[in-house]
Amino acid sequence: MRAFRSLSVAILRGFLRDKASVFFAIIFPLMFLVLFGGLFGDQSQSKVDLIQVGDVALFDELPRPAREAFDDTFEVEHRQDLEAAIAEVRDGDADVAVVERDGELVAHFTQTDQVKAAIVQGALRAFVDGANVAATGQPPTYSLRTERVEDDSLTTIQFVTPGLLGWAIAMSAAFGAAATLQGWRQSKLLRRLQLAPVSTRTVVGARIAVTVGVALVQMAIFLGLGAAAFGLRLTGSWWAAIPLLVMGTLCFMAVGLFAGSVTKTVEGAVNMANFLVLPMAFLGGSFFPLDAAPDWLQTFANLLPLHWLNEGMLDLLVRGEGPSAMFVPMALLAGFALVLTLLSARLFRWETQ
């Protein structure tokens, strides 16, 4: 234990003295949290920007309940010039321009944002259908009531924080392992440790302990800042994310170990780790969801360890899942870690050639 404690303290001091490591492990990911938190912290569902050209009887004569729903859906501006209104839609300054011609509503929309275009058409069609039913004097056969499956307190920052935290953990663990392995190898420290009266198990354990400790500090800072500054609220089983985070750290340490094993310089190891982790961040949902991506891309993303770390974090921190939600992601991350560790052991060389 004395050797383990001494090595852990030495590794931690080396980490804290390396300002670049501290910056990229703690400060750099927090910059993204502050950026996304500032942009989306209080954001609710945005309204559709609608330009009403001239008089539109359907809009002007909506009954009170329908009018309230209309005002909740659309932000309306009035214009008289149709061509100018269409130009605003084309330039992205509005989502749709609506004009009425002989009882027919003509909606001019842009296809540059296909999701918003579908929302615009669906919402307008719903109001037109409702007006047609009201005009016939016949009550509708069916009615619709919508309810959110999440608590009303959930905001966009709730879903942004777990993904950014997963990316921060992956980046710190992978870069740290890759740079440490290559740095120790180039400075001949690996050989000295091999000859020292300290077991390999103790050296590896100290390195893991420091990396996991840094990851837990990252988690505390992320969740603390998110709660204090941006209104982040955690679900009841949020604590179950801690063992998942530990397993994710071990998995991405294995990624860094692989990067350090196949390269010959510290710079090469860090670049290799970046090459492996950065695409995972985009494809694993750290920055944005892949719901609109092609099926083949979503299938490929499901094979990435960061996807499972992010999904597990979302389930436990935001979606209200119980502790059992950590088991499948942890098992998959452990599998990734085992395979990469065994592969790294086969490729590892004590000295650069």
Protein backbone atom coordinates (compact mmCIF):
# COMPACT_ATOMS: atom_id res chain seq x y z
CA MET A 1 0.00 0.00 0.00
CA ARG A 2 2.88 2.40 0.69
CA ALA A 3 4.23 1.93 -2.85
CA PHE A 4 0.74 2.30 -4.30
CA ARG A 5 0.13 5.50 -2.32
CA SER A 6 3.51 6.99 -3.26
CA LEU A 7 3.02 6.21 -6.95
CA SER A 8 -0.52 7.62 -6.91
CA VAL A 9 0.67 10.86 -5.32
CA ALA A 10 3.54 11.13 -7.82
CA ILE A 11 1.22 10.56 -10.78
CA LEU A 12 -1.32 13.06 -9.44
CA ARG A 13 1.36 15.70 -8.91
CA GLY A 14 2.65 15.11 -12.42
CA PHE A 15 -0.89 15.59 -13.75
CA LEU A 16 -1.43 18.82 -11.79
CA ARG A 17 1.93 20.22 -12.89
CA ASP A 18 1.08 19.63 -16.52
CA LYS A 19 -1.09 22.68 -17.19
CA ALA A 20 -2.11 21.41 -20.62
CA SER A 21 -3.41 18.16 -19.13
CA VAL A 22 -5.43 20.01 -16.49
CA PHE A 23 -6.80 22.39 -19.13
CA PHE A 24 -7.95 19.67 -21.53
CA ALA A 25 -9.25 17.39 -18.76
CA ILE A 26 -11.19 19.97 -16.73
CA ILE A 27 -11.34 23.48 -18.21
CA PHE A 28 -11.84 22.66 -21.89
CA PRO A 29 -14.93 20.43 -21.40
CA LEU A 30 -16.37 22.96 -18.93
CA MET A 31 -16.12 25.62 -21.62
CA PHE A 32 -18.49 23.53 -23.74
CA LEU A 33 -20.86 23.06 -20.79
CA VAL A 34 -20.95 26.83 -20.22
CA LEU A 35 -21.44 27.42 -23.96
CA PHE A 36 -24.29 24.92 -24.32
CA GLY A 37 -25.74 25.91 -20.97
CA GLY A 38 -25.80 29.56 -21.96
CA LEU A 39 -27.43 28.75 -25.28
CA PHE A 40 -29.94 26.15 -24.17
CA GLY A 41 -30.21 26.40 -20.38
CA ASP A 42 -33.60 28.13 -20.35
CA GLN A 43 -34.70 27.25 -23.86
CA SER A 44 -38.12 25.74 -24.37
CA GLN A 45 -39.71 24.60 -27.62
CA SER A 46 -39.37 27.44 -30.11
CA LYS A 47 -42.38 28.76 -31.98
CA VAL A 48 -42.81 28.69 -35.74
CA ASP A 49 -42.14 32.10 -37.30
CA LEU A 50 -45.13 32.74 -39.55
CA ILE A 51 -45.69 35.72 -41.84
CA GLN A 52 -49.38 36.45 -42.51
CA VAL A 53 -49.77 38.27 -45.82
CA GLY A 54 -52.91 40.40 -45.86
CA ASP A 55 -56.11 39.14 -44.26
CA VAL A 56 -56.40 35.42 -43.54
CA ALA A 57 -59.94 34.71 -42.39
CA LEU A 58 -59.11 31.33 -40.90
CA PHE A 59 -56.54 32.84 -38.55
CA ASP A 60 -58.60 35.93 -37.70
CA GLU A 61 -61.79 33.98 -36.90
CA LEU A 62 -60.36 31.17 -34.79
CA PRO A 63 -62.43 30.47 -31.65
CA ARG A 64 -60.77 31.21 -28.34
CA PRO A 65 -59.40 27.72 -27.48
CA ALA A 66 -58.05 27.25 -31.00
CA ARG A 67 -56.63 30.77 -30.96
CA GLU A 68 -54.71 30.05 -27.75
CA ALA A 69 -53.23 26.90 -29.33
CA PHE A 70 -52.40 28.90 -32.47
CA ASP A 71 -50.59 31.57 -30.46
CA ASP A 72 -48.64 28.87 -28.60
CA THR A 73 -47.52 27.39 -31.93
CA PHE A 74 -46.85 30.38 -34.16
CA GLU A 75 -45.11 33.73 -33.81
CA VAL A 76 -47.05 35.84 -36.31
CA GLU A 77 -45.86 38.91 -38.21
CA HIS A 78 -48.07 40.76 -40.66
CA ARG A 79 -47.03 41.84 -44.15
CA GLN A 80 -48.79 43.11 -47.25
CA ASP A 81 -46.15 42.27 -49.84
CA LEU A 82 -46.14 38.53 -50.68
CA GLU A 83 -42.86 38.65 -52.60
CA ALA A 84 -41.08 40.33 -49.70
CA ALA A 85 -42.51 37.73 -47.32
CA ILE A 86 -41.33 34.87 -49.55
CA ALA A 87 -37.88 36.48 -49.68
CA GLU A 88 -37.75 36.46 -45.86
CA VAL A 89 -38.61 32.75 -45.81
CA ARG A 90 -36.00 32.02 -48.47
CA ASP A 91 -33.36 33.92 -46.45
CA GLY A 92 -34.19 31.97 -43.29
CA ASP A 93 -35.70 34.96 -41.43
CA ALA A 94 -39.09 33.22 -41.21
CA ASP A 95 -40.36 29.64 -41.41
CA VAL A 96 -43.47 30.12 -43.54
CA ALA A 97 -45.46 32.82 -45.35
CA VAL A 98 -49.23 32.30 -45.59
CA VAL A 99 -51.67 34.03 -47.92
CA GLU A 100 -55.38 33.32 -48.51
CA ARG A 101 -56.74 33.15 -52.05
CA ASP A 102 -60.45 32.47 -52.61
CA GLY A 103 -60.78 30.40 -49.43
CA GLU A 104 -57.57 28.47 -50.05
CA LEU A 105 -54.57 28.92 -47.78
CA VAL A 106 -51.26 28.93 -49.62
CA ALA A 107 -48.22 28.31 -47.40
CA HIS A 108 -44.76 29.13 -48.74
CA PHE A 109 -42.05 27.33 -46.76
CA THR A 110 -38.38 26.46 -47.15
CA GLN A 111 -37.06 22.94 -47.43
CA THR A 112 -33.61 23.83 -46.06
CA ASP A 113 -34.80 22.70 -42.62
CA GLN A 114 -36.83 19.60 -43.36
CA VAL A 115 -37.79 18.98 -39.73
CA LYS A 116 -39.19 22.50 -39.30
CA ALA A 117 -40.90 22.21 -42.71
CA ALA A 118 -42.72 19.07 -41.58
CA ILE A 119 -43.75 20.77 -38.32
CA VAL A 120 -45.05 23.80 -40.24
CA GLN A 121 -47.13 21.72 -42.64
CA GLY A 122 -48.52 19.47 -39.92
CA ALA A 123 -49.49 22.37 -37.66
CA LEU A 124 -51.17 24.34 -40.45
CA ARG A 125 -53.04 21.25 -41.67
CA ALA A 126 -54.33 20.64 -38.15
CA PHE A 127 -55.81 24.14 -37.92
CA VAL A 128 -57.31 23.92 -41.40
CA ASP A 129 -58.90 20.54 -40.61
CA GLY A 130 -60.25 21.92 -37.36
CA ALA A 131 -61.77 24.91 -39.15
CA ASN A 132 -63.37 22.61 -41.74
CA VAL A 133 -64.95 20.48 -39.01
CA ALA A 134 -66.27 23.58 -37.27
CA ALA A 135 -67.72 24.86 -40.56
CA THR A 136 -69.74 21.67 -41.12
CA GLY A 137 -71.43 21.94 -37.75
CA GLN A 138 -70.65 18.31 -36.98
CA PRO A 139 -68.71 17.43 -33.84
CA PRO A 140 -65.48 15.52 -34.48
CA THR A 141 -65.56 11.76 -33.93
CA TYR A 142 -62.22 11.72 -32.12
CA SER A 143 -60.42 14.14 -29.83
CA LEU A 144 -56.77 14.45 -28.93
CA ARG A 145 -55.05 15.30 -25.68
CA THR A 146 -51.27 15.51 -25.52
CA GLU A 147 -49.17 14.98 -22.40
CA ARG A 148 -45.43 15.07 -21.90
CA VAL A 149 -43.78 11.90 -20.70
CA GLU A 150 -41.12 13.94 -18.89
CA ASP A 151 -41.48 16.25 -15.95
CA ASP A 152 -42.24 19.87 -16.87
CA SER A 153 -39.00 20.94 -15.21
CA LEU A 154 -36.86 19.27 -17.88
CA THR A 155 -35.02 21.69 -20.14
CA THR A 156 -32.55 21.22 -22.94
CA ILE A 157 -29.57 21.46 -20.59
CA GLN A 158 -30.77 18.26 -18.90
CA PHE A 159 -30.01 16.31 -22.07
CA VAL A 160 -26.85 18.21 -23.02
CA THR A 161 -24.95 17.72 -19.75
CA PRO A 162 -24.68 13.88 -19.70
CA GLY A 163 -23.32 13.76 -23.27
CA LEU A 164 -20.74 16.46 -22.60
CA LEU A 165 -19.73 14.72 -19.39
CA GLY A 166 -19.29 11.43 -21.25
CA TRP A 167 -17.12 13.14 -23.85
CA ALA A 168 -15.03 14.85 -21.15
CA ILE A 169 -14.44 11.53 -19.36
CA ALA A 170 -13.53 9.77 -22.62
CA MET A 171 -11.15 12.51 -23.70
CA SER A 172 -9.39 12.80 -20.34
CA ALA A 173 -8.99 9.04 -19.85
CA ALA A 174 -7.85 8.29 -23.40
CA PHE A 175 -5.45 11.22 -23.71
CA GLY A 176 -4.02 10.67 -20.25
CA ALA A 177 -3.35 6.97 -20.80
CA ALA A 178 -1.87 7.49 -24.25
CA ALA A 179 0.41 10.37 -23.22
CA THR A 180 1.50 8.65 -19.99
CA LEU A 181 2.41 5.39 -21.70
CA GLN A 182 4.45 7.08 -24.42
CA GLY A 183 5.99 9.62 -22.04
CA TRP A 184 7.12 6.92 -19.63
CA ARG A 185 8.45 4.83 -22.48
CA GLN A 186 10.45 7.66 -24.08
CA SER A 187 11.91 8.77 -20.73
CA LYS A 188 12.88 5.16 -19.92
CA LEU A 189 10.71 5.37 -16.80
CA LEU A 190 8.96 2.15 -17.79
CA ARG A 191 12.25 0.28 -17.65
CA ARG A 192 13.10 1.81 -14.28
CA LEU A 193 9.71 0.81 -12.89
CA GLN A 194 10.23 -2.68 -14.26
CA LEU A 195 13.48 -2.94 -12.31
CA ALA A 196 12.13 -1.23 -9.18
CA PRO A 197 10.86 -3.30 -6.23
CA VAL A 198 7.27 -2.44 -7.21
CA SER A 199 4.90 -4.85 -8.92
CA THR A 200 3.33 -4.06 -12.28
CA ARG A 201 -0.05 -4.45 -10.59
CA THR A 202 0.80 -1.60 -8.20
CA VAL A 203 1.91 0.72 -11.02
CA VAL A 204 -1.20 0.01 -13.07
CA GLY A 205 -3.43 0.34 -10.00
CA ALA A 206 -1.95 3.74 -9.14
CA ARG A 207 -2.46 4.99 -12.68
CA ILE A 208 -6.06 3.77 -12.70
CA ALA A 209 -6.77 5.24 -9.27
CA VAL A 210 -5.59 8.70 -10.32
CA THR A 211 -7.52 8.62 -13.60
CA VAL A 212 -10.72 7.47 -11.90
CA GLY A 213 -10.24 10.13 -9.23
CA VAL A 214 -9.91 12.83 -11.89
CA ALA A 215 -13.05 11.49 -13.59
CA LEU A 216 -15.02 11.71 -10.34
CA VAL A 217 -13.84 15.28 -9.86
CA GLN A 218 -14.94 16.05 -13.43
CA MET A 219 -18.37 14.59 -12.67
CA ALA A 220 -18.72 16.60 -9.47
CA ILE A 221 -17.73 19.84 -11.22
CA PHE A 222 -20.00 19.21 -14.22
CA LEU A 223 -23.08 18.35 -12.18
CA GLY A 224 -22.39 21.05 -9.60
CA LEU A 225 -21.95 23.77 -12.21
CA GLY A 226 -24.92 22.53 -14.22
CA ALA A 227 -27.15 22.60 -11.13
CA ALA A 228 -25.90 25.92 -9.78
CA ALA A 229 -25.69 27.91 -13.01
CA PHE A 230 -28.16 26.32 -15.44
CA GLY A 231 -30.86 24.65 -13.37
CA LEU A 232 -29.79 21.05 -13.93
CA ARG A 233 -31.97 18.60 -11.97
CA LEU A 234 -30.96 15.01 -11.37
CA THR A 235 -33.27 12.02 -11.09
CA GLY A 236 -33.50 9.85 -8.00
CA SER A 237 -31.03 7.19 -9.17
CA TRP A 238 -28.33 9.61 -10.34
CA TRP A 239 -25.83 7.97 -7.98
CA ALA A 240 -25.91 4.83 -10.17
CA ALA A 241 -24.06 6.86 -12.79
CA ILE A 242 -20.92 6.72 -10.62
CA PRO A 243 -20.07 3.02 -11.25
CA LEU A 244 -20.99 3.55 -14.91
CA LEU A 245 -18.58 6.49 -15.04
CA VAL A 246 -15.83 4.37 -13.48
CA MET A 247 -16.33 1.65 -16.09
CA GLY A 248 -16.38 4.24 -18.86
CA THR A 249 -13.11 5.63 -17.56
CA LEU A 250 -11.52 2.18 -17.66
CA CYS A 251 -12.83 1.61 -21.19
CA PHE A 252 -11.33 4.82 -22.52
CA MET A 253 -8.11 4.25 -20.64
CA ALA A 254 -7.94 1.08 -22.74
CA VAL A 255 -8.49 3.23 -25.85
CA GLY A 256 -5.56 5.42 -24.77
CA LEU A 257 -3.48 2.36 -24.00
CA PHE A 258 -4.11 1.09 -27.52
CA ALA A 259 -3.17 4.49 -28.99
CA GLY A 260 0.03 4.55 -26.95
CA SER A 261 0.92 0.99 -27.97
CA VAL A 262 0.71 1.51 -31.73
CA THR A 263 2.51 4.88 -31.87
CA LYS A 264 6.13 5.87 -31.19
CA THR A 265 5.91 9.43 -29.85
CA VAL A 266 3.83 11.34 -27.31
CA GLU A 267 2.46 13.56 -30.06
CA GLY A 268 1.53 10.54 -32.14
CA ALA A 269 -0.19 8.89 -29.17
CA VAL A 270 -2.25 11.99 -28.37
CA ASN A 271 -3.19 12.47 -32.03
CA MET A 272 -4.17 8.82 -32.30
CA ALA A 273 -6.35 9.11 -29.18
CA ASN A 274 -7.95 12.24 -30.61
CA PHE A 275 -8.55 10.42 -33.91
CA LEU A 276 -10.40 7.68 -32.03
CA VAL A 277 -12.35 9.75 -29.50
CA LEU A 278 -13.45 12.83 -31.47
CA PRO A 279 -15.53 10.95 -34.10
CA MET A 280 -17.11 8.97 -31.25
CA ALA A 281 -18.18 12.25 -29.64
CA PHE A 282 -20.10 13.28 -32.75
CA LEU A 283 -21.47 9.83 -33.55
CA GLY A 284 -22.11 8.88 -29.92
CA GLY A 285 -24.51 11.75 -29.22
CA SER A 286 -22.24 13.92 -27.06
CA PHE A 287 -23.08 17.10 -28.96
CA PHE A 288 -26.36 16.36 -30.76
CA PRO A 289 -28.72 13.40 -31.30
CA LEU A 290 -28.53 11.29 -34.45
CA ASP A 291 -32.28 10.79 -34.86
CA ALA A 292 -32.26 12.33 -38.34
CA ALA A 293 -29.15 10.45 -39.49
CA PRO A 294 -29.35 7.54 -41.98
CA ASP A 295 -30.11 4.13 -40.49
CA TRP A 296 -26.67 2.76 -41.41
CA LEU A 297 -24.98 5.61 -39.53
CA GLN A 298 -27.15 5.07 -36.45
CA THR A 299 -26.34 1.36 -36.58
CA PHE A 300 -22.62 2.14 -36.73
CA ALA A 301 -22.96 4.60 -33.84
CA ASN A 302 -24.52 1.86 -31.73
CA LEU A 303 -21.24 -0.05 -31.97
CA LEU A 304 -19.24 2.73 -30.31
CA PRO A 305 -18.47 2.65 -26.57
CA LEU A 306 -19.12 6.36 -26.11
CA HIS A 307 -22.68 5.87 -27.38
CA TRP A 308 -23.35 3.41 -24.55
CA LEU A 309 -21.69 5.62 -21.96
CA ASN A 310 -23.83 8.58 -23.05
CA GLU A 311 -27.04 6.52 -23.19
CA GLY A 312 -26.40 5.13 -19.73
CA MET A 313 -25.73 8.61 -18.36
CA LEU A 314 -28.96 9.91 -19.90
CA ASP A 315 -30.98 7.02 -18.48
CA LEU A 316 -29.64 7.51 -14.97
CA LEU A 317 -29.25 11.29 -14.75
CA VAL A 318 -32.23 12.49 -16.78
CA ARG A 319 -34.74 9.82 -17.85
CA GLY A 320 -35.45 8.56 -14.37
CA GLU A 321 -34.40 4.96 -14.99
CA GLY A 322 -33.50 2.80 -12.00
CA PRO A 323 -30.06 1.45 -11.13
CA SER A 324 -30.60 -1.55 -13.43
CA ALA A 325 -30.13 0.79 -16.40
CA MET A 326 -26.38 0.78 -15.78
CA PHE A 327 -25.90 -2.97 -16.24
CA VAL A 328 -26.03 -3.28 -20.05
CA PRO A 329 -23.83 -0.20 -20.74
CA MET A 330 -21.34 -1.33 -18.09
CA ALA A 331 -21.16 -4.84 -19.57
CA LEU A 332 -20.55 -3.50 -23.07
CA LEU A 333 -17.96 -0.99 -21.88
CA ALA A 334 -16.20 -3.76 -19.96
CA GLY A 335 -16.15 -5.87 -23.12
CA PHE A 336 -14.62 -3.02 -25.12
CA ALA A 337 -12.02 -2.46 -22.39
CA LEU A 338 -11.07 -6.14 -22.24
CA VAL A 339 -10.67 -6.50 -26.02
CA LEU A 340 -8.62 -3.32 -26.39
CA THR A 341 -6.43 -4.16 -23.39
CA LEU A 342 -5.63 -7.61 -24.75
CA LEU A 343 -4.92 -6.14 -28.19
CA SER A 344 -2.68 -3.47 -26.66
CA ALA A 345 -0.77 -6.11 -24.70
CA ARG A 346 -0.01 -7.92 -27.95
CA LEU A 347 1.17 -4.73 -29.64
CA PHE A 348 3.02 -3.21 -26.68
CA ARG A 349 6.80 -2.77 -26.77
CA TRP A 350 8.87 -1.67 -23.80
CA GLU A 351 10.96 0.67 -25.94
CA THR A 352 10.41 2.56 -29.18
CA GLN A 353 12.09 1.05 -32.21
